Amino acid sequence: AVAIVSGMICDGAKPSCAAKIAAAVDAGLLGYHMFTCGQEFRGGDGIITKGVEATIENIGRLGRLGMRETDKEIIRIMTNQPALG
């Protein structure tokens, strides 16, 4: 599930949050099905690295560092401010 939905952003919209939760549950079910069939995402598939802990660390890094400007831009969009640049 982490490999599939890690790129989602939170935009503060309640209806789309419910849909994102449903997508995450679906991704979890797909992940379980993949596991039961001996399939998996492997290190080197995008931000996926060997070991779930390392992958979660990568996602934390994205959220902590990579999303700083994204968060600001989401607020600008939600408050109808013009884009920068």
PDB file of N, CA and C in Angstrom:
ATOM      1  N   ALA A   1       0.827  -1.194   0.000  1.00  0.00           N
ATOM      2  CA  ALA A   1       0.000   0.000   0.000  1.00  0.00           C
ATOM      3  C   ALA A   1       0.872   1.258   0.000  1.00  0.00           C
ATOM      4  N   VAL A   2       1.956   1.211   0.754  1.00  0.00           N
ATOM      5  CA  VAL A   2       2.854   2.364   0.823  1.00  0.00           C
ATOM      6  C   VAL A   2       3.429   2.673  -0.565  1.00  0.00           C
ATOM      7  N   ALA A   3       3.740   1.640  -1.315  1.00  0.00           N
ATOM      8  CA  ALA A   3       4.300   1.834  -2.654  1.00  0.00           C
ATOM      9  C   ALA A   3       3.289   2.460  -3.603  1.00  0.00           C
ATOM     10  N   ILE A   4       2.022   2.192  -3.378  1.00  0.00           N
ATOM     11  CA  ILE A   4       0.990   2.615  -4.327  1.00  0.00           C
ATOM     12  C   ILE A   4       0.467   4.018  -4.028  1.00  0.00           C
ATOM     13  N   VAL A   5       0.200   4.335  -2.786  1.00  0.00           N
ATOM     14  CA  VAL A   5      -0.487   5.592  -2.465  1.00  0.00           C
ATOM     15  C   VAL A   5       0.399   6.632  -1.783  1.00  0.00           C
ATOM     16  N   SER A   6       1.689   6.428  -1.767  1.00  0.00           N
ATOM     17  CA  SER A   6       2.564   7.353  -1.050  1.00  0.00           C
ATOM     18  C   SER A   6       2.627   8.736  -1.685  1.00  0.00           C
ATOM     19  N   GLY A   7       2.201   8.891  -2.911  1.00  0.00           N
ATOM     20  CA  GLY A   7       2.260  10.185  -3.574  1.00  0.00           C
ATOM     21  C   GLY A   7       1.031  11.056  -3.368  1.00  0.00           C
ATOM     22  N   MET A   8       0.081  10.605  -2.599  1.00  0.00           N
ATOM     23  CA  MET A   8      -1.134  11.400  -2.365  1.00  0.00           C
ATOM     24  C   MET A   8      -0.822  12.619  -1.526  1.00  0.00           C
ATOM     25  N   ILE A   9      -1.550  13.681  -1.792  1.00  0.00           N
ATOM     26  CA  ILE A   9      -1.413  14.880  -0.972  1.00  0.00           C
ATOM     27  C   ILE A   9      -2.717  15.125  -0.226  1.00  0.00           C
ATOM     28  N   CYS A  10      -2.612  15.750   0.910  1.00  0.00           N
ATOM     29  CA  CYS A  10      -3.782  16.176   1.661  1.00  0.00           C
ATOM     30  C   CYS A  10      -4.054  17.622   1.289  1.00  0.00           C
ATOM     31  N   ASP A  11      -5.266  17.879   0.825  1.00  0.00           N
ATOM     32  CA  ASP A  11      -5.610  19.245   0.455  1.00  0.00           C
ATOM     33  C   ASP A  11      -6.683  19.836   1.366  1.00  0.00           C
ATOM     34  N   GLY A  12      -7.024  19.119   2.418  1.00  0.00           N
ATOM     35  CA  GLY A  12      -7.980  19.648   3.383  1.00  0.00           C
ATOM     36  C   GLY A  12      -9.433  19.508   2.966  1.00  0.00           C
ATOM     37  N   ALA A  13      -9.700  18.835   1.865  1.00  0.00           N
ATOM     38  CA  ALA A  13     -11.079  18.668   1.396  1.00  0.00           C
ATOM     39  C   ALA A  13     -11.644  17.363   1.945  1.00  0.00           C
ATOM     40  N   LYS A  14     -12.689  17.464   2.734  1.00  0.00           N
ATOM     41  CA  LYS A  14     -13.236  16.281   3.397  1.00  0.00           C
ATOM     42  C   LYS A  14     -13.726  15.206   2.421  1.00  0.00           C
ATOM     43  N   PRO A  15     -14.490  15.518   1.363  1.00  0.00           N
ATOM     44  CA  PRO A  15     -14.951  14.453   0.463  1.00  0.00           C
ATOM     45  C   PRO A  15     -13.800  13.711  -0.221  1.00  0.00           C
ATOM     46  N   SER A  16     -12.784  14.447  -0.645  1.00  0.00           N
ATOM     47  CA  SER A  16     -11.675  13.757  -1.312  1.00  0.00           C
ATOM     48  C   SER A  16     -10.825  12.986  -0.308  1.00  0.00           C
ATOM     49  N   CYS A  17     -10.826  13.398   0.963  1.00  0.00           N
ATOM     50  CA  CYS A  17     -10.112  12.625   1.989  1.00  0.00           C
ATOM     51  C   CYS A  17     -10.752  11.246   2.136  1.00  0.00           C
ATOM     52  N   ALA A  18     -12.072  11.187   2.113  1.00  0.00           N
ATOM     53  CA  ALA A  18     -12.756   9.895   2.212  1.00  0.00           C
ATOM     54  C   ALA A  18     -12.383   9.010   1.032  1.00  0.00           C
ATOM     55  N   ALA A  19     -12.312   9.586  -0.152  1.00  0.00           N
ATOM     56  CA  ALA A  19     -11.932   8.814  -1.337  1.00  0.00           C
ATOM     57  C   ALA A  19     -10.479   8.347  -1.229  1.00  0.00           C
ATOM     58  N   LYS A  20      -9.619   9.178  -0.673  1.00  0.00           N
ATOM     59  CA  LYS A  20      -8.212   8.795  -0.508  1.00  0.00           C
ATOM     60  C   LYS A  20      -8.077   7.658   0.501  1.00  0.00           C
ATOM     61  N   ILE A  21      -8.891   7.675   1.535  1.00  0.00           N
ATOM     62  CA  ILE A  21      -8.888   6.575   2.502  1.00  0.00           C
ATOM     63  C   ILE A  21      -9.326   5.289   1.811  1.00  0.00           C
ATOM     64  N   ALA A  22     -10.379   5.376   0.994  1.00  0.00           N
ATOM     65  CA  ALA A  22     -10.842   4.199   0.260  1.00  0.00           C
ATOM     66  C   ALA A  22      -9.752   3.682  -0.680  1.00  0.00           C
ATOM     67  N   ALA A  23      -9.035   4.587  -1.333  1.00  0.00           N
ATOM     68  CA  ALA A  23      -7.946   4.177  -2.227  1.00  0.00           C
ATOM     69  C   ALA A  23      -6.830   3.497  -1.443  1.00  0.00           C
ATOM     70  N   ALA A  24      -6.534   3.990  -0.249  1.00  0.00           N
ATOM     71  CA  ALA A  24      -5.493   3.383   0.578  1.00  0.00           C
ATOM     72  C   ALA A  24      -5.905   1.988   1.039  1.00  0.00           C
ATOM     73  N   VAL A  25      -7.183   1.822   1.397  1.00  0.00           N
ATOM     74  CA  VAL A  25      -7.672   0.490   1.782  1.00  0.00           C
ATOM     75  C   VAL A  25      -7.563  -0.455   0.591  1.00  0.00           C
ATOM     76  N   ASP A  26      -7.968   0.028  -0.587  1.00  0.00           N
ATOM     77  CA  ASP A  26      -7.858  -0.782  -1.792  1.00  0.00           C
ATOM     78  C   ASP A  26      -6.400  -1.164  -2.069  1.00  0.00           C
ATOM     79  N   ALA A  27      -5.494  -0.218  -1.879  1.00  0.00           N
ATOM     80  CA  ALA A  27      -4.070  -0.495  -2.079  1.00  0.00           C
ATOM     81  C   ALA A  27      -3.574  -1.538  -1.082  1.00  0.00           C
ATOM     82  N   GLY A  28      -4.066  -1.466   0.141  1.00  0.00           N
ATOM     83  CA  GLY A  28      -3.701  -2.466   1.147  1.00  0.00           C
ATOM     84  C   GLY A  28      -4.179  -3.853   0.749  1.00  0.00           C
ATOM     85  N   LEU A  29      -5.395  -3.936   0.235  1.00  0.00           N
ATOM     86  CA  LEU A  29      -5.925  -5.222  -0.223  1.00  0.00           C
ATOM     87  C   LEU A  29      -5.137  -5.752  -1.418  1.00  0.00           C
ATOM     88  N   LEU A  30      -4.786  -4.855  -2.337  1.00  0.00           N
ATOM     89  CA  LEU A  30      -3.961  -5.260  -3.471  1.00  0.00           C
ATOM     90  C   LEU A  30      -2.595  -5.756  -2.985  1.00  0.00           C
ATOM     91  N   GLY A  31      -2.006  -5.047  -2.026  1.00  0.00           N
ATOM     92  CA  GLY A  31      -0.730  -5.473  -1.469  1.00  0.00           C
ATOM     93  C   GLY A  31      -0.815  -6.849  -0.837  1.00  0.00           C
ATOM     94  N   TYR A  32      -1.899  -7.097  -0.123  1.00  0.00           N
ATOM     95  CA  TYR A  32      -2.093  -8.417   0.484  1.00  0.00           C
ATOM     96  C   TYR A  32      -2.225  -9.481  -0.597  1.00  0.00           C
ATOM     97  N   HIS A  33      -3.009  -9.183  -1.628  1.00  0.00           N
ATOM     98  CA  HIS A  33      -3.175 -10.136  -2.736  1.00  0.00           C
ATOM     99  C   HIS A  33      -1.829 -10.405  -3.409  1.00  0.00           C
ATOM    100  N   MET A  34      -1.058  -9.356  -3.626  1.00  0.00           N
ATOM    101  CA  MET A  34       0.271  -9.545  -4.214  1.00  0.00           C
ATOM    102  C   MET A  34       1.115 -10.467  -3.334  1.00  0.00           C
ATOM    103  N   PHE A  35       1.085 -10.236  -2.022  1.00  0.00           N
ATOM    104  CA  PHE A  35       1.850 -11.057  -1.080  1.00  0.00           C
ATOM    105  C   PHE A  35       1.445 -12.522  -1.164  1.00  0.00           C
ATOM    106  N   THR A  36       0.126 -12.778  -1.195  1.00  0.00           N
ATOM    107  CA  THR A  36      -0.335 -14.170  -1.239  1.00  0.00           C
ATOM    108  C   THR A  36       0.029 -14.850  -2.553  1.00  0.00           C
ATOM    109  N   CYS A  37       0.291 -14.052  -3.590  1.00  0.00           N
ATOM    110  CA  CYS A  37       0.695 -14.607  -4.889  1.00  0.00           C
ATOM    111  C   CYS A  37       2.205 -14.580  -5.086  1.00  0.00           C
ATOM    112  N   GLY A  38       2.945 -14.210  -4.033  1.00  0.00           N
ATOM    113  CA  GLY A  38       4.402 -14.193  -4.119  1.00  0.00           C
ATOM    114  C   GLY A  38       4.960 -13.012  -4.913  1.00  0.00           C
ATOM    115  N   GLN A  39       4.178 -11.969  -5.061  1.00  0.00           N
ATOM    116  CA  GLN A  39       4.606 -10.785  -5.796  1.00  0.00           C
ATOM    117  C   GLN A  39       4.931  -9.665  -4.819  1.00  0.00           C
ATOM    118  N   GLU A  40       5.793  -8.761  -5.229  1.00  0.00           N
ATOM    119  CA  GLU A  40       6.124  -7.616  -4.392  1.00  0.00           C
ATOM    120  C   GLU A  40       6.784  -6.533  -5.232  1.00  0.00           C
ATOM    121  N   PHE A  41       6.741  -5.329  -4.719  1.00  0.00           N
ATOM    122  CA  PHE A  41       7.536  -4.260  -5.311  1.00  0.00           C
ATOM    123  C   PHE A  41       8.953  -4.445  -4.794  1.00  0.00           C
ATOM    124  N   ARG A  42       9.915  -4.130  -5.593  1.00  0.00           N
ATOM    125  CA  ARG A  42      11.309  -4.357  -5.205  1.00  0.00           C
ATOM    126  C   ARG A  42      12.062  -3.033  -5.083  1.00  0.00           C
ATOM    127  N   GLY A  43      13.117  -3.063  -4.278  1.00  0.00           N
ATOM    128  CA  GLY A  43      13.974  -1.904  -4.147  1.00  0.00           C
ATOM    129  C   GLY A  43      14.422  -1.413  -5.511  1.00  0.00           C
ATOM    130  N   GLY A  44      14.343  -0.135  -5.714  1.00  0.00           N
ATOM    131  CA  GLY A  44      14.680   0.447  -7.007  1.00  0.00           C
ATOM    132  C   GLY A  44      13.455   0.799  -7.828  1.00  0.00           C
ATOM    133  N   ASP A  45      12.263   0.351  -7.377  1.00  0.00           N
ATOM    134  CA  ASP A  45      11.007   0.739  -8.021  1.00  0.00           C
ATOM    135  C   ASP A  45      10.600   2.103  -7.453  1.00  0.00           C
ATOM    136  N   GLY A  46      11.070   3.170  -8.080  1.00  0.00           N
ATOM    137  CA  GLY A  46      10.759   4.511  -7.591  1.00  0.00           C
ATOM    138  C   GLY A  46      11.404   4.770  -6.242  1.00  0.00           C
ATOM    139  N   ILE A  47      10.599   5.178  -5.267  1.00  0.00           N
ATOM    140  CA  ILE A  47      11.125   5.481  -3.934  1.00  0.00           C
ATOM    141  C   ILE A  47      11.184   4.245  -3.050  1.00  0.00           C
ATOM    142  N   ILE A  48      10.804   3.101  -3.601  1.00  0.00           N
ATOM    143  CA  ILE A  48      10.843   1.859  -2.843  1.00  0.00           C
ATOM    144  C   ILE A  48      12.298   1.413  -2.708  1.00  0.00           C
ATOM    145  N   THR A  49      12.683   1.074  -1.493  1.00  0.00           N
ATOM    146  CA  THR A  49      14.022   0.549  -1.246  1.00  0.00           C
ATOM    147  C   THR A  49      13.897  -0.787  -0.521  1.00  0.00           C
ATOM    148  N   LYS A  50      14.990  -1.467  -0.365  1.00  0.00           N
ATOM    149  CA  LYS A  50      14.947  -2.756   0.315  1.00  0.00           C
ATOM    150  C   LYS A  50      14.546  -2.545   1.776  1.00  0.00           C
ATOM    151  N   GLY A  51      13.491  -3.213   2.173  1.00  0.00           N
ATOM    152  CA  GLY A  51      13.015  -3.118   3.549  1.00  0.00           C
ATOM    153  C   GLY A  51      11.948  -2.060   3.705  1.00  0.00           C
ATOM    154  N   VAL A  52      10.865  -2.463   4.319  1.00  0.00           N
ATOM    155  CA  VAL A  52       9.733  -1.548   4.485  1.00  0.00           C
ATOM    156  C   VAL A  52      10.112  -0.335   5.333  1.00  0.00           C
ATOM    157  N   GLU A  53      10.962  -0.530   6.334  1.00  0.00           N
ATOM    158  CA  GLU A  53      11.361   0.582   7.195  1.00  0.00           C
ATOM    159  C   GLU A  53      12.097   1.648   6.400  1.00  0.00           C
ATOM    160  N   ALA A  54      12.970   1.218   5.502  1.00  0.00           N
ATOM    161  CA  ALA A  54      13.713   2.172   4.671  1.00  0.00           C
ATOM    162  C   ALA A  54      12.784   2.902   3.714  1.00  0.00           C
ATOM    163  N   THR A  55      11.785   2.205   3.202  1.00  0.00           N
ATOM    164  CA  THR A  55      10.810   2.842   2.320  1.00  0.00           C
ATOM    165  C   THR A  55       9.992   3.875   3.082  1.00  0.00           C
ATOM    166  N   ILE A  56       9.569   3.535   4.277  1.00  0.00           N
ATOM    167  CA  ILE A  56       8.819   4.484   5.112  1.00  0.00           C
ATOM    168  C   ILE A  56       9.691   5.692   5.433  1.00  0.00           C
ATOM    169  N   GLU A  57      10.962   5.463   5.659  1.00  0.00           N
ATOM    170  CA  GLU A  57      11.886   6.581   5.897  1.00  0.00           C
ATOM    171  C   GLU A  57      11.946   7.496   4.667  1.00  0.00           C
ATOM    172  N   ASN A  58      11.973   6.911   3.478  1.00  0.00           N
ATOM    173  CA  ASN A  58      11.965   7.722   2.251  1.00  0.00           C
ATOM    174  C   ASN A  58      10.699   8.564   2.144  1.00  0.00           C
ATOM    175  N   ILE A  59       9.578   7.984   2.482  1.00  0.00           N
ATOM    176  CA  ILE A  59       8.312   8.713   2.411  1.00  0.00           C
ATOM    177  C   ILE A  59       8.291   9.832   3.447  1.00  0.00           C
ATOM    178  N   GLY A  60       8.831   9.565   4.629  1.00  0.00           N
ATOM    179  CA  GLY A  60       8.947  10.614   5.643  1.00  0.00           C
ATOM    180  C   GLY A  60       9.819  11.757   5.158  1.00  0.00           C
ATOM    181  N   ARG A  61      10.902  11.424   4.483  1.00  0.00           N
ATOM    182  CA  ARG A  61      11.788  12.446   3.915  1.00  0.00           C
ATOM    183  C   ARG A  61      11.057  13.290   2.881  1.00  0.00           C
ATOM    184  N   LEU A  62      10.280  12.627   2.035  1.00  0.00           N
ATOM    185  CA  LEU A  62       9.487  13.368   1.048  1.00  0.00           C
ATOM    186  C   LEU A  62       8.511  14.328   1.718  1.00  0.00           C
ATOM    187  N   GLY A  63       7.820  13.817   2.739  1.00  0.00           N
ATOM    188  CA  GLY A  63       6.857  14.654   3.437  1.00  0.00           C
ATOM    189  C   GLY A  63       7.504  15.811   4.169  1.00  0.00           C
ATOM    190  N   ARG A  64       8.620  15.538   4.805  1.00  0.00           N
ATOM    191  CA  ARG A  64       9.300  16.542   5.617  1.00  0.00           C
ATOM    192  C   ARG A  64      10.008  17.595   4.772  1.00  0.00           C
ATOM    193  N   LEU A  65      10.677  17.164   3.720  1.00  0.00           N
ATOM    194  CA  LEU A  65      11.489  18.083   2.924  1.00  0.00           C
ATOM    195  C   LEU A  65      10.847  18.438   1.587  1.00  0.00           C
ATOM    196  N   GLY A  66      10.409  17.428   0.883  1.00  0.00           N
ATOM    197  CA  GLY A  66       9.929  17.644  -0.475  1.00  0.00           C
ATOM    198  C   GLY A  66       8.588  18.334  -0.586  1.00  0.00           C
ATOM    199  N   MET A  67       7.775  18.235   0.450  1.00  0.00           N
ATOM    200  CA  MET A  67       6.421  18.778   0.363  1.00  0.00           C
ATOM    201  C   MET A  67       6.293  20.203   0.911  1.00  0.00           C
ATOM    202  N   ARG A  68       7.374  20.803   1.330  1.00  0.00           N
ATOM    203  CA  ARG A  68       7.283  22.148   1.901  1.00  0.00           C
ATOM    204  C   ARG A  68       6.640  23.128   0.931  1.00  0.00           C
ATOM    205  N   GLU A  69       7.120  23.175  -0.278  1.00  0.00           N
ATOM    206  CA  GLU A  69       6.557  24.102  -1.268  1.00  0.00           C
ATOM    207  C   GLU A  69       5.181  23.659  -1.716  1.00  0.00           C
ATOM    208  N   THR A  70       4.949  22.349  -1.760  1.00  0.00           N
ATOM    209  CA  THR A  70       3.629  21.841  -2.136  1.00  0.00           C
ATOM    210  C   THR A  70       2.584  22.325  -1.149  1.00  0.00           C
ATOM    211  N   ASP A  71       2.872  22.239   0.136  1.00  0.00           N
ATOM    212  CA  ASP A  71       1.939  22.703   1.158  1.00  0.00           C
ATOM    213  C   ASP A  71       1.612  24.185   0.965  1.00  0.00           C
ATOM    214  N   LYS A  72       2.628  24.984   0.707  1.00  0.00           N
ATOM    215  CA  LYS A  72       2.408  26.422   0.496  1.00  0.00           C
ATOM    216  C   LYS A  72       1.550  26.659  -0.739  1.00  0.00           C
ATOM    217  N   GLU A  73       1.797  25.911  -1.792  1.00  0.00           N
ATOM    218  CA  GLU A  73       1.032  26.086  -3.024  1.00  0.00           C
ATOM    219  C   GLU A  73      -0.418  25.650  -2.842  1.00  0.00           C
ATOM    220  N   ILE A  74      -0.654  24.589  -2.093  1.00  0.00           N
ATOM    221  CA  ILE A  74      -2.027  24.159  -1.805  1.00  0.00           C
ATOM    222  C   ILE A  74      -2.778  25.271  -1.085  1.00  0.00           C
ATOM    223  N   ILE A  75      -2.143  25.906  -0.122  1.00  0.00           N
ATOM    224  CA  ILE A  75      -2.794  27.005   0.599  1.00  0.00           C
ATOM    225  C   ILE A  75      -3.079  28.168  -0.341  1.00  0.00           C
ATOM    226  N   ARG A  76      -2.133  28.479  -1.244  1.00  0.00           N
ATOM    227  CA  ARG A  76      -2.374  29.553  -2.217  1.00  0.00           C
ATOM    228  C   ARG A  76      -3.570  29.212  -3.107  1.00  0.00           C
ATOM    229  N   ILE A  77      -3.673  27.972  -3.536  1.00  0.00           N
ATOM    230  CA  ILE A  77      -4.793  27.554  -4.379  1.00  0.00           C
ATOM    231  C   ILE A  77      -6.109  27.669  -3.600  1.00  0.00           C
ATOM    232  N   MET A  78      -6.116  27.174  -2.377  1.00  0.00           N
ATOM    233  CA  MET A  78      -7.346  27.179  -1.574  1.00  0.00           C
ATOM    234  C   MET A  78      -7.802  28.580  -1.208  1.00  0.00           C
ATOM    235  N   THR A  79      -6.874  29.521  -1.157  1.00  0.00           N
ATOM    236  CA  THR A  79      -7.235  30.912  -0.814  1.00  0.00           C
ATOM    237  C   THR A  79      -7.282  31.810  -2.055  1.00  0.00           C
ATOM    238  N   ASN A  80      -7.309  31.177  -3.228  1.00  0.00           N
ATOM    239  CA  ASN A  80      -7.430  31.903  -4.505  1.00  0.00           C
ATOM    240  C   ASN A  80      -6.334  32.938  -4.719  1.00  0.00           C
ATOM    241  N   GLN A  81      -5.152  32.662  -4.251  1.00  0.00           N
ATOM    242  CA  GLN A  81      -4.014  33.549  -4.484  1.00  0.00           C
ATOM    243  C   GLN A  81      -3.362  33.167  -5.808  1.00  0.00           C
ATOM    244  N   PRO A  82      -2.751  34.130  -6.481  1.00  0.00           N
ATOM    245  CA  PRO A  82      -2.091  33.812  -7.748  1.00  0.00           C
ATOM    246  C   PRO A  82      -0.857  32.924  -7.520  1.00  0.00           C
ATOM    247  N   ALA A  83      -0.523  32.167  -8.533  1.00  0.00           N
ATOM    248  CA  ALA A  83       0.663  31.314  -8.474  1.00  0.00           C
ATOM    249  C   ALA A  83       1.923  32.164  -8.439  1.00  0.00           C
ATOM    250  N   LEU A  84       2.932  31.673  -7.752  1.00  0.00           N
ATOM    251  CA  LEU A  84       4.233  32.360  -7.754  1.00  0.00           C
ATOM    252  C   LEU A  84       5.047  31.863  -8.929  1.00  0.00           C
ATOM    253  N   GLY A  85       5.836  32.762  -9.490  1.00  0.00           N
ATOM    254  CA  GLY A  85       6.743  32.372 -10.568  1.00  0.00           C
ATOM    255  C   GLY A  85       6.040  32.313 -11.834  1.00  0.00           C
TER     256      GLY A  85
END
